[in-house]
Structures are given as structure tokens and as C-alpha cells.
């Protein structure tokens, strides 16, 4: 079997991405799920820490909203440090969050009056060095807002989870 031919376009693209990322870029940790079928398909074997992740339910009903919230809570529960949860609705059920591992002693709840306030709190919280995860429930997340949140998460190393409601 002949050796594969070099792919100069692919190598040039990889070099360009490496330059854009910067040589001094620190390697981020990951939060594995512990399920080989999932972890094997994720870059570096888990969800990147110091990054923004979006979670959305399959529909607009209460069941899908609860599923995405509990999924996010289960992920946040596996981080170290406090978890900040920002929402405009007062519909979180703490005993359910406890059942997926997110202790009320580790969780700080923020009631925001609008999505603009949610995004402002989300960005500020992601810049804080002492949080393990920041979860925010948002209706819309523009490309500009998501980029700002990603950069904020990179500065602290916290896991950012945007729940699309």
C-alpha cells in the first residue's frame, strides 16, 4: 500500500489556525462525561473548561425546559467551586437540582429582570476567578454575545453553560 501523499492545503490550514491561537496558548482542561461513547467523540475527551457551551431542549414546553436545565445542572455539579445560576424566571426546583448532584450549598441564584441583564451578569461572572461554572438561561444569544462570553470564560477557566429557552 503506497504511503499517503502530503496534503499541503490541510497542513497550511493547520499552521494558520495554530498561529491564530497563539503559541503561548495554555491548554484547557476538560470535563469528561465518563461515558466512552460520548467522550470519544468530544475534542480532548470531554467538555472544554474555560469555554462557553450551549444547551437546548427539543421543544418549547416545560418538559424540554426541565430536561435541558437538569442536564446543565448535572454538568455544573461536576465542576469545582461555586456555581452561579442566572435566570429571569423563578421556576427552578432546588430538590430536582439536588437529585442530579447540584447542591444548594454550592449554588448561587441570580434573578435578572431581562435577557440584557442575564447576559451582563453572565459575562461578569465568567470573568470571576472563583466560580466552577456559570449557568444562564437566555432566549437569544447573538454571535457577538457568544463571542464575548467565550472570551470571558477563557480568562477565568470557568465552564459557561447557556441554556436556550
N, C-alpha and C. Protein backbone atom coordinates (compact mmCIF):
# COMPACT_ATOMS: atom_id res chain seq x y z
N UNK A 1 0.84 -1.17 0.00
CA UNK A 1 0.00 0.00 0.00
C UNK A 1 0.90 1.24 0.00
N UNK A 2 0.68 2.14 -0.96
CA UNK A 2 1.54 3.32 -1.04
C UNK A 2 1.30 4.27 0.14
N UNK A 3 2.34 5.01 0.49
CA UNK A 3 2.23 5.99 1.58
C UNK A 3 1.30 7.12 1.15
N UNK A 4 0.50 7.66 2.08
CA UNK A 4 -0.39 8.76 1.71
C UNK A 4 0.42 9.99 1.30
N UNK A 5 -0.10 10.67 0.29
CA UNK A 5 0.58 11.87 -0.20
C UNK A 5 0.36 13.02 0.79
N UNK A 6 1.36 13.89 0.92
CA UNK A 6 1.17 15.04 1.81
C UNK A 6 0.06 15.94 1.29
N UNK A 7 -0.65 16.55 2.20
CA UNK A 7 -1.76 17.43 1.83
C UNK A 7 -1.37 18.86 2.22
N UNK A 8 -0.73 19.56 1.29
CA UNK A 8 -0.21 20.88 1.64
C UNK A 8 -1.29 21.88 2.06
N UNK A 9 -2.46 21.79 1.47
CA UNK A 9 -3.53 22.74 1.84
C UNK A 9 -3.97 22.51 3.28
N UNK A 10 -4.10 21.26 3.68
CA UNK A 10 -4.50 20.93 5.05
C UNK A 10 -3.43 21.36 6.04
N UNK A 11 -2.17 21.09 5.71
CA UNK A 11 -1.07 21.49 6.61
C UNK A 11 -0.98 23.00 6.72
N UNK A 12 -1.21 23.72 5.63
CA UNK A 12 -1.18 25.18 5.67
C UNK A 12 -2.32 25.72 6.55
N UNK A 13 -3.48 25.09 6.45
CA UNK A 13 -4.62 25.50 7.28
C UNK A 13 -4.33 25.25 8.76
N UNK A 14 -3.76 24.10 9.08
CA UNK A 14 -3.40 23.80 10.47
C UNK A 14 -2.39 24.81 11.01
N UNK A 15 -1.42 25.17 10.20
CA UNK A 15 -0.41 26.15 10.62
C UNK A 15 -1.06 27.51 10.85
N UNK A 16 -2.01 27.88 9.99
CA UNK A 16 -2.69 29.16 10.15
C UNK A 16 -3.52 29.18 11.43
N UNK A 17 -4.24 28.11 11.72
CA UNK A 17 -5.03 28.02 12.95
C UNK A 17 -4.12 28.09 14.16
N UNK A 18 -2.99 27.41 14.11
CA UNK A 18 -2.04 27.44 15.22
C UNK A 18 -1.52 28.85 15.45
N UNK A 19 -1.23 29.60 14.39
CA UNK A 19 -0.78 30.98 14.53
C UNK A 19 -1.87 31.85 15.15
N UNK A 20 -3.12 31.66 14.71
CA UNK A 20 -4.23 32.44 15.25
C UNK A 20 -4.45 32.15 16.74
N UNK A 21 -4.29 30.89 17.14
CA UNK A 21 -4.47 30.52 18.54
C UNK A 21 -3.33 31.06 19.40
N UNK A 22 -2.19 31.29 18.81
CA UNK A 22 -1.05 31.80 19.57
C UNK A 22 -0.20 30.67 20.11
N UNK A 23 1.08 30.88 20.12
CA UNK A 23 2.00 29.84 20.58
C UNK A 23 1.91 29.64 22.09
N UNK A 24 1.62 30.72 22.83
CA UNK A 24 1.59 30.64 24.28
C UNK A 24 0.24 30.21 24.83
N UNK A 25 -0.64 29.77 23.96
CA UNK A 25 -1.98 29.38 24.40
C UNK A 25 -1.91 28.25 25.41
N UNK A 26 -2.52 28.47 26.56
CA UNK A 26 -2.48 27.43 27.58
C UNK A 26 -3.52 26.35 27.25
N UNK A 27 -3.16 25.16 27.57
CA UNK A 27 -4.04 24.03 27.32
C UNK A 27 -5.15 24.02 28.36
N UNK A 28 -6.37 23.98 27.90
CA UNK A 28 -7.52 23.95 28.80
C UNK A 28 -7.80 22.54 29.26
N UNK A 29 -8.34 22.46 30.46
CA UNK A 29 -8.77 21.17 30.97
C UNK A 29 -10.11 20.80 30.36
N UNK A 30 -10.51 19.58 30.58
CA UNK A 30 -11.80 19.12 30.08
C UNK A 30 -12.56 18.45 31.21
N UNK A 31 -13.85 18.39 31.04
CA UNK A 31 -14.74 17.72 31.98
C UNK A 31 -15.35 16.53 31.24
N UNK A 32 -14.78 15.33 31.44
CA UNK A 32 -15.32 14.16 30.73
C UNK A 32 -16.68 13.74 31.30
N UNK A 33 -17.48 13.11 30.46
CA UNK A 33 -18.77 12.58 30.90
C UNK A 33 -18.60 11.24 31.59
N UNK A 34 -17.50 10.56 31.32
CA UNK A 34 -17.30 9.24 31.90
C UNK A 34 -18.00 8.14 31.10
N UNK A 35 -18.49 8.49 29.92
CA UNK A 35 -19.13 7.54 29.03
C UNK A 35 -18.26 7.48 27.76
N UNK A 36 -17.56 6.37 27.55
CA UNK A 36 -16.62 6.30 26.43
C UNK A 36 -17.22 6.66 25.07
N UNK A 37 -18.49 6.31 24.85
CA UNK A 37 -19.13 6.60 23.57
C UNK A 37 -19.29 8.10 23.35
N UNK A 38 -19.44 8.86 24.43
CA UNK A 38 -19.56 10.32 24.32
C UNK A 38 -18.18 10.96 24.34
N UNK A 39 -17.38 10.61 25.33
CA UNK A 39 -16.06 11.22 25.48
C UNK A 39 -15.18 10.99 24.26
N UNK A 40 -15.33 9.85 23.62
CA UNK A 40 -14.53 9.55 22.43
C UNK A 40 -14.84 10.43 21.24
N UNK A 41 -15.98 11.08 21.26
CA UNK A 41 -16.38 11.94 20.15
C UNK A 41 -16.16 13.43 20.44
N UNK A 42 -15.76 13.74 21.66
CA UNK A 42 -15.52 15.13 22.04
C UNK A 42 -14.03 15.44 21.94
N UNK A 43 -13.68 16.66 21.52
CA UNK A 43 -12.26 17.03 21.47
C UNK A 43 -11.63 16.89 22.84
N UNK A 44 -10.47 16.27 22.90
CA UNK A 44 -9.72 16.05 24.14
C UNK A 44 -10.48 15.20 25.16
N UNK A 45 -11.58 14.55 24.77
CA UNK A 45 -12.25 13.60 25.65
C UNK A 45 -13.22 14.18 26.65
N UNK A 46 -13.75 15.37 26.41
CA UNK A 46 -14.73 15.95 27.34
C UNK A 46 -15.10 17.37 26.96
N UNK A 47 -15.97 17.99 27.76
CA UNK A 47 -16.34 19.38 27.54
C UNK A 47 -15.18 20.27 27.97
N UNK A 48 -14.82 21.22 27.14
CA UNK A 48 -13.72 22.11 27.46
C UNK A 48 -14.09 23.03 28.63
N UNK A 49 -13.20 23.13 29.59
CA UNK A 49 -13.35 24.10 30.66
C UNK A 49 -12.82 25.43 30.14
N UNK A 50 -13.28 26.52 30.70
CA UNK A 50 -12.87 27.82 30.20
C UNK A 50 -13.47 28.09 28.84
N UNK A 51 -14.70 27.61 28.64
CA UNK A 51 -15.36 27.74 27.35
C UNK A 51 -16.87 27.88 27.56
N UNK A 52 -17.53 28.39 26.55
CA UNK A 52 -18.98 28.52 26.55
C UNK A 52 -19.60 27.35 25.81
N UNK A 53 -20.63 26.76 26.41
CA UNK A 53 -21.36 25.66 25.78
C UNK A 53 -22.84 26.02 25.81
N UNK A 54 -23.55 25.65 24.75
CA UNK A 54 -24.99 25.91 24.68
C UNK A 54 -25.76 24.61 24.82
N UNK A 55 -26.85 24.69 25.57
CA UNK A 55 -27.73 23.54 25.78
C UNK A 55 -29.14 23.97 25.40
N UNK A 56 -29.82 23.16 24.61
CA UNK A 56 -31.20 23.48 24.22
C UNK A 56 -32.05 22.23 24.33
N UNK A 57 -33.28 22.41 24.76
CA UNK A 57 -34.22 21.30 24.80
C UNK A 57 -34.77 21.03 23.41
N UNK A 58 -35.56 20.01 23.29
CA UNK A 58 -36.10 19.64 21.99
C UNK A 58 -37.35 20.41 21.60
N UNK A 59 -37.88 21.24 22.49
CA UNK A 59 -39.09 21.98 22.19
C UNK A 59 -39.27 23.13 23.15
N UNK A 60 -40.42 23.76 23.10
CA UNK A 60 -40.67 24.94 23.91
C UNK A 60 -41.57 24.68 25.11
N UNK A 61 -41.79 23.42 25.43
CA UNK A 61 -42.68 23.11 26.55
C UNK A 61 -41.89 22.95 27.85
N UNK A 62 -42.60 22.81 28.95
CA UNK A 62 -41.98 22.73 30.28
C UNK A 62 -41.10 21.49 30.41
N UNK A 63 -41.49 20.37 29.80
CA UNK A 63 -40.71 19.14 29.92
C UNK A 63 -39.33 19.31 29.29
N UNK A 64 -39.27 19.90 28.11
CA UNK A 64 -37.98 20.12 27.45
C UNK A 64 -37.13 21.14 28.20
N UNK A 65 -37.77 22.16 28.76
CA UNK A 65 -37.04 23.15 29.55
C UNK A 65 -36.45 22.49 30.80
N UNK A 66 -37.21 21.62 31.44
CA UNK A 66 -36.72 20.93 32.62
C UNK A 66 -35.57 19.99 32.27
N UNK A 67 -35.67 19.30 31.16
CA UNK A 67 -34.62 18.37 30.75
C UNK A 67 -33.30 19.10 30.49
N UNK A 68 -33.37 20.23 29.77
CA UNK A 68 -32.14 20.96 29.49
C UNK A 68 -31.57 21.57 30.77
N UNK A 69 -32.43 22.00 31.68
CA UNK A 69 -31.97 22.54 32.95
C UNK A 69 -31.30 21.48 33.82
N UNK A 70 -31.91 20.30 33.90
CA UNK A 70 -31.33 19.23 34.71
C UNK A 70 -30.03 18.70 34.10
N UNK A 71 -29.98 18.63 32.77
CA UNK A 71 -28.75 18.22 32.10
C UNK A 71 -27.62 19.19 32.43
N UNK A 72 -27.92 20.49 32.35
CA UNK A 72 -26.93 21.52 32.66
C UNK A 72 -26.51 21.46 34.13
N UNK A 73 -27.47 21.24 35.01
CA UNK A 73 -27.16 21.14 36.44
C UNK A 73 -26.25 19.95 36.73
N UNK A 74 -26.50 18.84 36.05
CA UNK A 74 -25.65 17.67 36.23
C UNK A 74 -24.22 17.92 35.78
N UNK A 75 -24.06 18.67 34.71
CA UNK A 75 -22.71 19.02 34.26
C UNK A 75 -22.06 19.98 35.25
N UNK A 76 -22.78 21.04 35.63
CA UNK A 76 -22.23 22.03 36.55
C UNK A 76 -21.87 21.41 37.90
N UNK A 77 -22.61 20.39 38.32
CA UNK A 77 -22.35 19.75 39.60
C UNK A 77 -20.99 19.08 39.64
N UNK A 78 -20.46 18.72 38.50
CA UNK A 78 -19.18 18.01 38.45
C UNK A 78 -17.98 18.94 38.36
N UNK A 79 -18.21 20.25 38.38
CA UNK A 79 -17.10 21.20 38.39
C UNK A 79 -16.69 21.48 39.84
N UNK A 80 -15.57 22.15 39.99
CA UNK A 80 -15.10 22.54 41.33
C UNK A 80 -15.47 23.99 41.57
N UNK A 81 -15.81 24.32 42.79
CA UNK A 81 -16.14 25.69 43.14
C UNK A 81 -17.64 25.94 43.11
N UNK A 82 -18.00 27.17 43.36
CA UNK A 82 -19.41 27.57 43.36
C UNK A 82 -19.96 27.59 41.95
N UNK A 83 -21.28 27.44 41.87
CA UNK A 83 -22.00 27.51 40.59
C UNK A 83 -22.95 28.69 40.67
N UNK A 84 -22.88 29.57 39.70
CA UNK A 84 -23.79 30.71 39.63
C UNK A 84 -24.84 30.41 38.57
N UNK A 85 -26.12 30.53 38.94
CA UNK A 85 -27.23 30.23 38.03
C UNK A 85 -28.04 31.51 37.84
N UNK A 86 -28.11 31.99 36.60
CA UNK A 86 -28.77 33.26 36.30
C UNK A 86 -30.00 32.99 35.44
N UNK A 87 -31.14 33.55 35.85
CA UNK A 87 -32.39 33.33 35.11
C UNK A 87 -33.34 34.50 35.30
N UNK A 88 -34.28 34.64 34.38
CA UNK A 88 -35.33 35.65 34.50
C UNK A 88 -36.59 35.05 35.11
N UNK A 89 -36.75 33.75 35.00
CA UNK A 89 -37.93 33.07 35.55
C UNK A 89 -37.59 32.45 36.90
N UNK A 90 -38.54 32.44 37.78
CA UNK A 90 -38.35 31.87 39.11
C UNK A 90 -38.91 30.44 39.15
N UNK A 91 -38.50 29.60 38.20
CA UNK A 91 -39.08 28.27 38.12
C UNK A 91 -38.11 27.13 38.40
N UNK A 92 -36.95 27.43 38.99
CA UNK A 92 -36.03 26.36 39.33
C UNK A 92 -36.55 25.60 40.54
N UNK A 93 -36.37 24.31 40.53
CA UNK A 93 -36.83 23.45 41.62
C UNK A 93 -35.58 22.82 42.25
N UNK A 94 -35.14 23.40 43.37
CA UNK A 94 -33.89 23.00 44.01
C UNK A 94 -33.79 21.51 44.32
N UNK A 95 -34.87 20.84 44.80
CA UNK A 95 -34.75 19.39 45.05
C UNK A 95 -34.41 18.59 43.79
N UNK A 96 -34.89 19.02 42.64
CA UNK A 96 -34.54 18.32 41.40
C UNK A 96 -33.08 18.53 41.06
N UNK A 97 -32.59 19.74 41.26
CA UNK A 97 -31.17 20.01 41.01
C UNK A 97 -30.30 19.19 41.95
N UNK A 98 -30.76 19.03 43.18
CA UNK A 98 -30.03 18.22 44.17
C UNK A 98 -29.96 16.76 43.71
N UNK A 99 -31.03 16.27 43.10
CA UNK A 99 -31.05 14.87 42.65
C UNK A 99 -30.04 14.59 41.54
N UNK A 100 -29.69 15.61 40.75
CA UNK A 100 -28.67 15.41 39.71
C UNK A 100 -27.28 15.80 40.21
N UNK A 101 -27.17 16.11 41.51
CA UNK A 101 -25.86 16.33 42.11
C UNK A 101 -25.49 17.77 42.40
N UNK A 102 -26.33 18.73 42.06
CA UNK A 102 -26.00 20.13 42.29
C UNK A 102 -26.55 20.57 43.65
N UNK A 103 -25.66 20.66 44.60
CA UNK A 103 -26.03 21.01 45.97
C UNK A 103 -26.44 22.47 46.08
N UNK A 104 -27.45 22.73 46.88
CA UNK A 104 -27.89 24.10 47.13
C UNK A 104 -26.81 24.90 47.84
N UNK A 105 -25.93 24.25 48.58
CA UNK A 105 -24.84 24.93 49.28
C UNK A 105 -23.78 25.47 48.32
N UNK A 106 -23.71 24.89 47.14
CA UNK A 106 -22.72 25.33 46.15
C UNK A 106 -23.30 26.30 45.14
N UNK A 107 -24.60 26.49 45.15
CA UNK A 107 -25.27 27.24 44.09
C UNK A 107 -25.70 28.62 44.55
N UNK A 108 -25.39 29.60 43.72
CA UNK A 108 -25.83 30.97 43.96
C UNK A 108 -26.81 31.31 42.84
N UNK A 109 -28.02 31.72 43.22
CA UNK A 109 -29.05 32.03 42.23
C UNK A 109 -29.14 33.54 42.04
N UNK A 110 -29.22 33.97 40.79
CA UNK A 110 -29.38 35.38 40.46
C UNK A 110 -30.67 35.52 39.66
N UNK A 111 -31.56 36.38 40.14
CA UNK A 111 -32.81 36.68 39.43
C UNK A 111 -32.59 37.97 38.64
N UNK A 112 -32.62 37.86 37.32
CA UNK A 112 -32.43 39.02 36.45
C UNK A 112 -33.78 39.45 35.90
N UNK A 113 -33.89 40.72 35.55
CA UNK A 113 -35.17 41.23 35.07
C UNK A 113 -35.34 41.13 33.56
N UNK A 114 -34.25 40.93 32.83
CA UNK A 114 -34.34 40.84 31.36
C UNK A 114 -33.17 40.03 30.82
N UNK A 115 -33.26 39.65 29.54
CA UNK A 115 -32.16 38.93 28.91
C UNK A 115 -30.90 39.79 28.84
N UNK A 116 -31.06 41.10 28.69
CA UNK A 116 -29.90 42.00 28.68
C UNK A 116 -29.16 41.90 30.02
N UNK A 117 -29.92 41.88 31.12
CA UNK A 117 -29.32 41.74 32.45
C UNK A 117 -28.69 40.36 32.63
N UNK A 118 -29.33 39.33 32.10
CA UNK A 118 -28.78 37.98 32.18
C UNK A 118 -27.42 37.94 31.50
N UNK A 119 -27.33 38.49 30.29
CA UNK A 119 -26.07 38.46 29.55
C UNK A 119 -24.98 39.27 30.25
N UNK A 120 -25.35 40.42 30.83
CA UNK A 120 -24.37 41.23 31.56
C UNK A 120 -23.83 40.48 32.77
N UNK A 121 -24.73 39.86 33.54
CA UNK A 121 -24.31 39.07 34.71
C UNK A 121 -23.50 37.86 34.29
N UNK A 122 -23.91 37.23 33.21
CA UNK A 122 -23.22 36.05 32.69
C UNK A 122 -21.77 36.40 32.35
N UNK A 123 -21.57 37.46 31.61
CA UNK A 123 -20.22 37.85 31.21
C UNK A 123 -19.36 38.20 32.43
N UNK A 124 -19.92 39.00 33.32
CA UNK A 124 -19.17 39.40 34.52
C UNK A 124 -18.82 38.19 35.37
N UNK A 125 -19.75 37.26 35.54
CA UNK A 125 -19.50 36.07 36.35
C UNK A 125 -18.44 35.18 35.71
N UNK A 126 -18.45 35.06 34.38
CA UNK A 126 -17.45 34.23 33.71
C UNK A 126 -16.04 34.80 33.85
N UNK A 127 -15.93 36.09 34.08
CA UNK A 127 -14.61 36.71 34.29
C UNK A 127 -14.10 36.50 35.72
N UNK A 128 -15.00 36.14 36.64
CA UNK A 128 -14.62 35.95 38.04
C UNK A 128 -13.81 34.67 38.18
N UNK A 129 -12.75 34.72 38.96
CA UNK A 129 -11.84 33.58 39.09
C UNK A 129 -12.34 32.48 40.02
N UNK A 130 -13.32 32.75 40.87
CA UNK A 130 -13.68 31.79 41.91
C UNK A 130 -14.82 30.85 41.60
N UNK A 131 -15.37 30.87 40.40
CA UNK A 131 -16.53 30.03 40.09
C UNK A 131 -16.12 28.82 39.27
N UNK A 132 -16.77 27.70 39.56
CA UNK A 132 -16.53 26.50 38.76
C UNK A 132 -17.35 26.50 37.48
N UNK A 133 -18.59 26.99 37.58
CA UNK A 133 -19.47 27.03 36.42
C UNK A 133 -20.44 28.19 36.56
N UNK A 134 -20.84 28.72 35.41
CA UNK A 134 -21.87 29.75 35.36
C UNK A 134 -22.92 29.26 34.37
N UNK A 135 -24.16 29.16 34.84
CA UNK A 135 -25.27 28.72 34.01
C UNK A 135 -26.22 29.89 33.84
N UNK A 136 -26.61 30.17 32.61
CA UNK A 136 -27.53 31.28 32.36
C UNK A 136 -28.61 30.82 31.39
N UNK A 137 -29.84 31.16 31.71
CA UNK A 137 -30.97 30.84 30.84
C UNK A 137 -31.26 32.07 29.98
N UNK A 138 -31.14 31.89 28.66
CA UNK A 138 -31.31 33.01 27.73
C UNK A 138 -32.28 32.62 26.62
N UNK A 139 -33.00 33.62 26.12
CA UNK A 139 -33.90 33.38 24.99
C UNK A 139 -33.14 33.48 23.67
N UNK A 140 -32.27 34.48 23.58
CA UNK A 140 -31.47 34.69 22.36
C UNK A 140 -30.02 34.87 22.74
N UNK A 141 -29.14 34.41 21.87
CA UNK A 141 -27.71 34.57 22.08
C UNK A 141 -27.09 34.92 20.75
N UNK A 142 -26.79 36.19 20.56
CA UNK A 142 -26.22 36.64 19.29
C UNK A 142 -24.77 36.16 19.17
N UNK A 143 -24.23 36.25 17.97
CA UNK A 143 -22.84 35.85 17.74
C UNK A 143 -21.90 36.75 18.55
N UNK A 144 -22.21 38.05 18.62
CA UNK A 144 -21.38 38.97 19.39
C UNK A 144 -21.40 38.60 20.86
N UNK A 145 -22.58 38.36 21.40
CA UNK A 145 -22.69 37.99 22.81
C UNK A 145 -21.97 36.68 23.10
N UNK A 146 -22.13 35.69 22.24
CA UNK A 146 -21.49 34.40 22.48
C UNK A 146 -19.97 34.53 22.41
N UNK A 147 -19.47 35.38 21.54
CA UNK A 147 -18.02 35.59 21.45
C UNK A 147 -17.50 36.27 22.72
N UNK A 148 -18.23 37.27 23.20
CA UNK A 148 -17.83 37.96 24.43
C UNK A 148 -17.82 36.98 25.61
N UNK A 149 -18.83 36.10 25.67
CA UNK A 149 -18.91 35.12 26.75
C UNK A 149 -17.78 34.10 26.65
N UNK A 150 -17.45 33.70 25.44
CA UNK A 150 -16.34 32.76 25.24
C UNK A 150 -15.03 33.38 25.74
N UNK A 151 -14.78 34.61 25.37
CA UNK A 151 -13.55 35.28 25.81
C UNK A 151 -13.52 35.44 27.33
N UNK A 152 -14.67 35.75 27.93
CA UNK A 152 -14.73 35.88 29.38
C UNK A 152 -14.44 34.54 30.05
N UNK A 153 -14.99 33.46 29.52
CA UNK A 153 -14.75 32.13 30.09
C UNK A 153 -13.28 31.74 29.98
N UNK A 154 -12.65 32.12 28.88
CA UNK A 154 -11.23 31.79 28.71
C UNK A 154 -10.37 32.48 29.75
N UNK A 155 -10.75 33.68 30.20
CA UNK A 155 -9.94 34.40 31.18
C UNK A 155 -9.96 33.74 32.55
N UNK A 156 -11.07 33.13 32.93
CA UNK A 156 -11.19 32.55 34.26
C UNK A 156 -11.01 31.04 34.30
N UNK A 157 -11.29 30.38 33.20
CA UNK A 157 -11.25 28.92 33.19
C UNK A 157 -12.56 28.29 33.63
N UNK A 158 -13.58 29.11 33.90
CA UNK A 158 -14.88 28.59 34.33
C UNK A 158 -15.63 27.97 33.15
N UNK A 159 -16.49 27.06 33.46
CA UNK A 159 -17.35 26.44 32.46
C UNK A 159 -18.60 27.31 32.31
N UNK A 160 -18.89 27.77 31.12
CA UNK A 160 -20.08 28.57 30.86
C UNK A 160 -21.12 27.73 30.14
N UNK A 161 -22.34 27.74 30.65
CA UNK A 161 -23.43 26.99 30.02
C UNK A 161 -24.59 27.94 29.76
N UNK A 162 -24.93 28.12 28.50
CA UNK A 162 -26.08 28.94 28.12
C UNK A 162 -27.21 28.00 27.78
N UNK A 163 -28.29 28.07 28.57
CA UNK A 163 -29.47 27.26 28.30
C UNK A 163 -30.39 28.08 27.43
N UNK A 164 -30.67 27.60 26.23
CA UNK A 164 -31.54 28.31 25.30
C UNK A 164 -32.98 27.96 25.62
N UNK A 165 -33.75 28.97 26.04
CA UNK A 165 -35.15 28.73 26.41
C UNK A 165 -36.07 29.34 25.41
